Protein backbone atom coordinates (compact mmCIF):
# COMPACT_ATOMS: atom_id res chain seq x y z
CA MET A 1 65.14 109.99 -137.05
CA LYS A 2 62.77 112.47 -138.73
CA THR A 3 63.33 110.71 -142.05
CA THR A 4 62.48 107.33 -140.54
CA THR A 5 59.35 108.73 -138.91
CA LEU A 6 58.26 110.32 -142.19
CA CYS A 7 58.74 107.05 -144.08
CA ILE A 8 56.71 105.11 -141.53
CA THR A 9 53.95 107.73 -141.71
CA LEU A 10 53.83 107.57 -145.51
CA LEU A 11 53.80 103.76 -145.41
CA CYS A 12 50.86 103.80 -143.02
CA LEU A 13 48.98 106.27 -145.24
CA CYS A 14 49.58 104.13 -148.33
CA LEU A 15 48.46 101.00 -146.50
CA SER A 16 45.35 102.80 -145.29
CA CYS A 17 44.49 103.97 -148.82
CA SER A 18 45.07 100.47 -150.15
CA LEU A 19 42.76 98.96 -147.56
CA ASP A 20 40.13 101.62 -148.29
CA ASN A 21 40.28 100.83 -152.02
CA ARG A 22 39.99 97.11 -151.33
CA ALA A 23 37.04 97.75 -149.04
CA GLU A 24 35.38 99.90 -151.69
CA SER A 25 36.00 97.22 -154.29
CA LYS A 26 34.49 94.59 -152.01
CA THR A 27 31.47 96.80 -151.44
CA GLU A 28 30.93 97.12 -155.19
CA GLU A 29 31.31 93.37 -155.56
CA GLN A 30 28.72 92.83 -152.87
CA LYS A 31 26.38 95.29 -154.58
CA SER A 32 26.81 93.45 -157.89
CA SER A 33 26.19 90.04 -156.37
CA SER A 34 23.04 91.28 -154.62
CA VAL A 35 21.33 92.28 -157.89
CA TYR A 36 18.53 89.92 -158.91
CA ALA A 37 16.59 89.99 -162.17
CA ALA A 38 13.59 88.16 -163.59
CA GLY A 39 11.70 88.42 -166.83
CA LEU A 40 11.05 86.99 -170.26
CA ARG A 41 12.99 85.78 -173.24
CA ARG A 42 11.62 87.42 -176.40
CA SER A 43 12.19 86.44 -180.04
CA VAL A 44 10.47 87.06 -183.35
CA TYR A 45 9.43 83.40 -183.63
CA GLY A 46 8.63 82.48 -179.99
CA LEU A 47 5.16 84.03 -179.64
CA LYS A 48 4.30 85.55 -183.00
CA LYS A 49 0.79 86.70 -182.10
CA LYS A 50 2.30 89.07 -179.53
CA ASN A 51 5.09 90.48 -181.72
CA ALA A 52 3.43 93.89 -182.02
CA ASP A 53 2.18 94.13 -178.43
CA HIS A 54 5.25 95.56 -176.71
CA LEU A 55 3.30 96.78 -173.70
CA TRP A 56 2.13 93.22 -173.01
CA TRP A 57 5.74 92.04 -172.77
CA ALA A 58 6.72 94.90 -170.47
CA GLU A 59 3.74 94.32 -168.17
CA ARG A 60 4.22 90.55 -168.02
CA THR A 61 7.88 91.02 -167.19
CA ARG A 62 7.04 93.40 -164.38
CA GLU A 63 4.45 90.94 -163.07
CA PHE A 64 7.05 88.19 -162.99
CA SER A 65 9.71 90.27 -161.24
CA ASN A 66 7.26 91.73 -158.73
CA ASN A 67 5.65 88.46 -157.71
CA ILE A 68 8.59 86.22 -156.83
CA SER A 69 8.11 85.50 -153.15
CA GLY A 70 10.87 86.23 -150.65
CA ASN A 71 12.81 89.21 -149.40
CA LYS A 72 14.77 89.91 -152.59
CA VAL A 73 13.96 92.75 -154.99
CA PHE A 74 14.01 91.67 -158.63
CA THR A 75 14.71 93.97 -161.56
CA PRO A 76 12.39 93.34 -164.54
CA VAL A 77 14.51 92.29 -167.55
CA ILE A 78 13.74 91.07 -171.06
CA ILE A 79 16.21 89.15 -173.21
CA GLU A 80 15.62 90.83 -176.57
CA ILE A 81 16.84 88.55 -179.37
CA VAL A 82 17.68 90.84 -182.29
CA SER A 83 19.14 88.33 -184.73
CA VAL A 84 18.40 84.85 -186.04
CA TYR A 85 20.61 82.03 -187.23
CA LEU A 86 20.02 81.11 -190.87
CA ASP A 87 20.29 77.62 -192.34
CA ASP A 88 23.31 78.61 -194.41
CA GLY A 89 25.22 79.29 -191.19
CA THR A 90 25.03 83.07 -191.32
CA CYS A 91 23.40 85.67 -189.11
CA GLN A 92 20.45 87.89 -189.98
CA MET A 93 19.91 91.06 -187.99
CA ALA A 94 16.26 92.03 -187.50
CA PHE A 95 16.88 95.68 -188.31
CA LYS A 96 18.27 97.96 -190.97
CA LYS A 97 22.02 98.27 -191.37
CA PRO A 98 23.11 101.48 -189.59
CA ASP A 99 23.81 104.22 -192.16
CA ARG A 100 27.09 105.24 -190.58
CA PHE A 101 28.45 101.73 -190.15
CA ARG A 102 31.50 101.16 -192.35
CA GLY A 103 32.79 97.89 -190.92
CA ASP A 104 32.94 94.47 -192.55
CA THR A 105 29.58 92.67 -192.45
CA THR A 106 30.63 89.34 -193.92
CA ASN A 107 28.06 86.59 -193.14
CA ILE A 108 25.60 89.19 -191.84
CA SER A 109 22.35 90.17 -193.55
CA PHE A 110 19.64 92.61 -192.48
CA ASN A 111 15.87 92.40 -192.28
CA PRO A 112 14.35 95.82 -191.52
CA LYS A 113 10.84 94.44 -192.11
CA SER A 114 10.88 92.01 -189.20
CA SER A 115 7.46 91.52 -187.60
CA LEU A 116 9.07 92.32 -184.24
CA ASP A 117 10.03 96.00 -184.24
CA HIS A 118 12.85 96.09 -181.71
CA GLU A 119 13.11 99.87 -181.77
CA LYS A 120 9.50 100.25 -180.66
CA ALA A 121 9.91 97.42 -178.16
CA LEU A 122 12.92 99.01 -176.49
CA ALA A 123 11.20 102.41 -176.44
CA THR A 124 8.32 100.78 -174.57
CA TYR A 125 10.72 99.20 -172.08
CA ASP A 126 12.28 102.64 -171.52
CA GLN A 127 8.88 104.08 -170.69
CA LYS A 128 7.85 101.20 -168.42
CA HIS A 129 11.17 100.96 -166.57
CA VAL A 130 11.91 97.46 -167.84
CA LYS A 131 15.53 96.58 -168.57
CA ALA A 132 16.76 94.73 -171.66
CA ILE A 133 19.67 92.51 -172.58
CA ILE A 134 20.37 92.33 -176.31
CA GLN A 135 21.07 88.79 -177.50
CA VAL A 136 22.67 87.79 -180.80
CA SER A 137 22.75 84.39 -182.49
CA PRO A 138 25.89 84.99 -184.57
CA GLY A 139 26.36 81.85 -186.67
CA ASN A 140 29.66 82.28 -188.48
CA ALA A 141 29.57 86.07 -188.29
CA ASN A 142 32.01 88.13 -186.24
CA VAL A 143 30.49 88.48 -182.78
CA THR A 144 32.03 91.86 -181.98
CA THR A 145 30.66 93.16 -185.28
CA CYS A 146 27.20 91.91 -184.27
CA PHE A 147 27.57 93.84 -181.02
CA ASP A 148 28.73 96.96 -182.87
CA LEU A 149 25.76 96.81 -185.24
CA ALA A 150 23.24 96.26 -182.45
CA HIS A 151 24.72 99.00 -180.31
CA ALA A 152 24.86 101.47 -183.21
CA THR A 153 21.16 100.80 -183.77
CA PHE A 154 19.81 100.48 -180.22
CA GLY A 155 22.52 101.79 -177.90
CA HIS A 156 20.65 105.04 -177.20
CA HIS A 157 18.05 103.19 -175.15
CA PRO A 158 18.61 103.54 -171.39
CA CYS A 159 16.83 100.24 -170.76
CA ILE A 160 19.78 98.26 -172.14
CA ILE A 161 22.01 96.75 -169.45
CA GLY A 162 24.07 94.32 -171.49
CA TYR A 163 24.48 91.86 -174.33
CA GLY A 164 24.42 88.12 -174.75
CA VAL A 165 25.50 85.34 -177.10
CA ASP A 166 23.55 82.14 -177.67
CA ALA A 167 26.42 79.70 -178.09
CA GLU A 168 24.17 77.07 -179.67
CA TRP A 169 24.17 79.30 -182.74
CA TYR A 170 27.90 80.10 -182.73
CA PHE A 171 29.53 78.47 -185.77
CA THR A 172 26.79 75.86 -185.61
CA LYS A 173 27.19 74.60 -189.15
CA GLU A 174 30.92 74.21 -188.60
CA SER A 175 30.51 72.32 -185.30
CA ASP A 176 30.73 68.53 -185.05
CA ASP A 177 27.24 67.99 -183.65
CA ASN A 178 25.41 71.14 -184.78
CA THR A 179 25.22 72.49 -181.22
CA GLY A 180 27.73 75.28 -181.75
CA ARG A 181 31.47 75.61 -181.46
CA PRO A 182 32.89 75.91 -177.89
CA ILE A 183 33.81 79.48 -176.96
CA LYS A 184 37.51 80.03 -176.39
CA ASP A 185 38.86 82.11 -173.51
CA VAL A 186 40.41 84.62 -175.89
CA ASP A 187 37.08 85.18 -177.64
CA ALA A 188 35.12 85.59 -174.40
CA LYS A 189 37.73 88.11 -173.23
CA ARG A 190 37.43 90.04 -176.49
CA TRP A 191 33.64 90.12 -176.26
CA VAL A 192 33.63 91.36 -172.68
CA LYS A 193 36.08 94.09 -173.68
CA LYS A 194 33.79 95.15 -176.52
CA VAL A 195 30.61 95.18 -174.42
CA THR A 196 32.19 97.11 -171.55
CA SER A 197 33.58 99.62 -174.04
CA PHE A 198 29.96 100.63 -174.68
CA ASN A 199 29.32 101.02 -170.96
CA PRO A 200 31.54 99.70 -168.14
CA LYS A 201 28.40 98.61 -166.28
CA TYR A 202 27.11 96.44 -169.12
CA THR A 203 27.17 92.70 -168.58
CA LEU A 204 27.68 89.88 -171.06
CA PHE A 205 25.99 86.50 -170.82
CA LEU A 206 27.04 83.36 -172.65
CA LYS A 207 24.24 80.84 -173.10
CA HIS A 208 24.20 77.07 -173.63
CA TRP A 209 23.14 73.92 -171.81
CA ASP A 210 26.55 72.20 -171.98
CA PRO A 211 29.44 73.65 -169.90
CA SER A 212 31.93 72.35 -172.47
CA HIS A 213 30.73 75.13 -174.77
CA MET A 214 31.69 77.84 -172.29
CA PRO A 215 35.18 79.41 -171.93
CA LEU A 216 37.39 77.10 -169.91
CA ALA A 217 39.17 79.59 -167.65
CA PHE A 218 38.29 83.19 -168.47
CA ARG A 219 36.10 84.89 -165.91
CA HIS A 220 35.15 88.53 -165.40
CA ASP A 221 32.92 90.47 -163.01
CA ASN A 222 30.74 91.51 -165.97
CA LEU A 223 30.49 87.98 -167.42
CA TRP A 224 27.75 85.55 -166.41
CA PHE A 225 26.51 82.19 -167.63
CA LEU A 226 22.95 81.40 -168.75
CA ASN A 227 21.60 77.85 -168.92
CA ASP A 228 18.83 76.96 -171.40
CA SER A 229 18.52 73.21 -170.80
CA GLN A 230 15.18 71.56 -171.52
CA ASP A 231 13.42 68.22 -172.01
CA PHE A 232 13.61 66.96 -168.41
CA GLY A 233 11.64 64.20 -166.73
CA GLY A 234 10.55 66.52 -163.93
CA LEU A 235 11.51 69.33 -161.59
CA ASN A 236 14.02 67.20 -159.67
CA GLN A 237 15.89 66.22 -162.81
CA MET A 238 15.92 69.81 -163.99
CA MET A 239 17.34 70.95 -160.67
CA GLN A 240 20.10 68.34 -160.81
CA ASP A 241 21.20 69.87 -164.10
CA PHE A 242 20.80 73.45 -162.87
CA ARG A 243 22.73 72.80 -159.65
CA LYS A 244 25.59 71.33 -161.66
CA TRP A 245 25.63 74.49 -163.78
CA GLY A 246 25.68 76.67 -160.68
CA LYS A 247 28.56 74.72 -159.14
CA THR A 248 30.55 74.77 -162.38
CA TYR A 249 30.47 78.58 -162.27
CA SER A 250 30.50 78.95 -158.49
CA GLY A 251 32.63 82.10 -158.65
CA SER A 252 30.33 83.77 -161.17
CA ILE A 253 26.71 84.78 -161.51
CA VAL A 254 24.45 82.32 -163.30
CA GLY A 255 20.97 82.44 -164.79
CA PHE A 256 18.37 80.01 -166.09
CA GLN A 257 15.65 79.83 -168.72
CA SER A 258 12.61 77.67 -168.05
CA GLY A 259 9.11 77.06 -169.35
CA TYR A 260 10.02 75.21 -172.53
CA PRO A 261 7.19 73.36 -174.29
CA LYS A 262 9.12 70.07 -174.07
CA ASP A 263 8.85 70.30 -170.28
CA TYR A 264 5.17 71.18 -170.18
CA ARG A 265 4.30 67.57 -169.37
CA TRP A 266 5.54 68.17 -165.83
CA TRP A 267 5.60 71.92 -165.20
CA GLY A 268 2.03 72.13 -166.50
CA LYS A 269 1.00 70.08 -163.47
CA LEU A 270 2.56 72.49 -160.95
CA GLU A 271 0.14 74.72 -159.09
CA GLN A 272 2.15 77.85 -159.87
CA PRO A 273 4.85 76.94 -162.42
CA THR A 274 6.69 80.28 -162.54
CA GLU A 275 6.68 80.69 -158.77
CA ASP A 276 7.50 77.07 -157.92
CA ILE A 277 10.41 76.83 -160.35
CA SER A 278 11.83 80.25 -159.45
CA LYS A 279 11.64 79.55 -155.72
CA THR A 280 13.34 76.17 -156.13
CA ILE A 281 16.19 77.65 -158.18
CA LEU A 282 16.84 80.45 -155.71
CA LYS A 283 16.77 78.08 -152.75
CA SER A 284 19.11 75.55 -154.34
CA ILE A 285 21.67 77.66 -156.23
CA PRO A 286 23.40 80.44 -154.25
CA ASN A 287 24.84 82.24 -157.28
CA ALA A 288 21.59 82.27 -159.29
CA ARG A 289 20.66 85.87 -160.08
CA PHE A 290 18.79 85.83 -163.43
CA LEU A 291 15.52 83.97 -164.01
CA PHE A 292 13.74 83.94 -167.35
CA TRP A 293 10.56 82.33 -168.65
CA VAL A 294 10.68 81.58 -172.38
CA ASP A 295 8.44 83.30 -174.86
CA PHE A 296 6.99 80.09 -176.30
CA THR A 297 4.70 79.70 -173.28
CA ALA A 298 4.71 83.22 -171.82
CA ASP A 299 0.96 83.53 -172.45
CA LYS A 300 0.15 80.14 -170.93
CA VAL A 301 1.13 80.74 -167.31
CA SER A 302 0.40 83.11 -164.47
CA PHE A 303 3.14 85.34 -163.11
CA HIS A 304 1.09 86.01 -159.98
CA HIS A 305 1.62 83.39 -157.30
CA ASP A 306 -1.82 83.97 -155.82
CA THR A 307 -3.93 84.11 -158.98
CA VAL A 308 -4.22 82.35 -162.30
CA ASP A 309 -4.68 84.60 -165.33
CA ALA A 310 -3.85 82.07 -168.02
CA GLN A 311 -4.28 78.33 -168.33
CA PRO A 312 -1.72 76.15 -170.13
CA ASN A 313 -2.94 74.54 -173.32
CA LYS A 314 -3.49 70.80 -173.24
CA SER A 315 -1.08 70.55 -176.14
CA ILE A 316 1.83 72.90 -176.72
CA ASP A 317 3.93 72.62 -179.83
CA ASN A 318 7.65 72.23 -179.35
CA ASP A 319 9.76 74.91 -180.95
CA LYS A 320 13.38 75.84 -181.46
CA LYS A 321 15.37 77.62 -178.78
């Protein structure tokens, strides 16, 4: 009888611990899903005249994140693009090769004289409490190697919260339509493992406008999906595309880039483009957590919903993503 009582007691204790762990896990999941972020995409070619003005980018990002109306608190985040896709299909890192790196760098070159000094940029973000996600455009280079190189160079910055891959520039030259090769589940899994090995809290985004380029089945709490569609007829058409993206990844966090020059013909007519678009996305897509305005027009709009500090140009040149 004592033995039976002891077994029942132990079973109850184990069940209690299990429920506590599940409750704790759910709490963490809820915390993760409640995190919102807004900011700018930043590349060496997107807004060249501001390449050296790192404080401007930090301040504009904070303005954007602080002025989205509603009861949600947004973390200021910049997508820092540290590599470019070259016409020969390879990847060029906009920094010097780390001295201690001994790995294979096939199809990777280095440009330490880039006009956008990412080290100084990230140091500014550290000081101004702006977060950063490091994006690579890998071409036919090994993606995990790109991550290793970027992390060896910039990983000491506390502002970094994750990494990202622009899938448009993933084996682009080898793809059928020059829009990148679809990412396989096994590759996405490998990349998440690499990124979380740097820091278990780091996230990884995969970016494209076509869901067929995303991993078919692999999902992870640290993996989210970023849409960079453009060239719409108006806000309604854009939202049809964005809602489809959100539903496709309904169990995951999603994000969106907006403000492309090709869409200026309609967003330029909105009273407050950044506010109107952000508000519409958040209202329509429950799993939307990341909002970014692209660098090409970051100096042409106001990030205050009650003031206008910049007027869009009558003509804005279209540029690459």
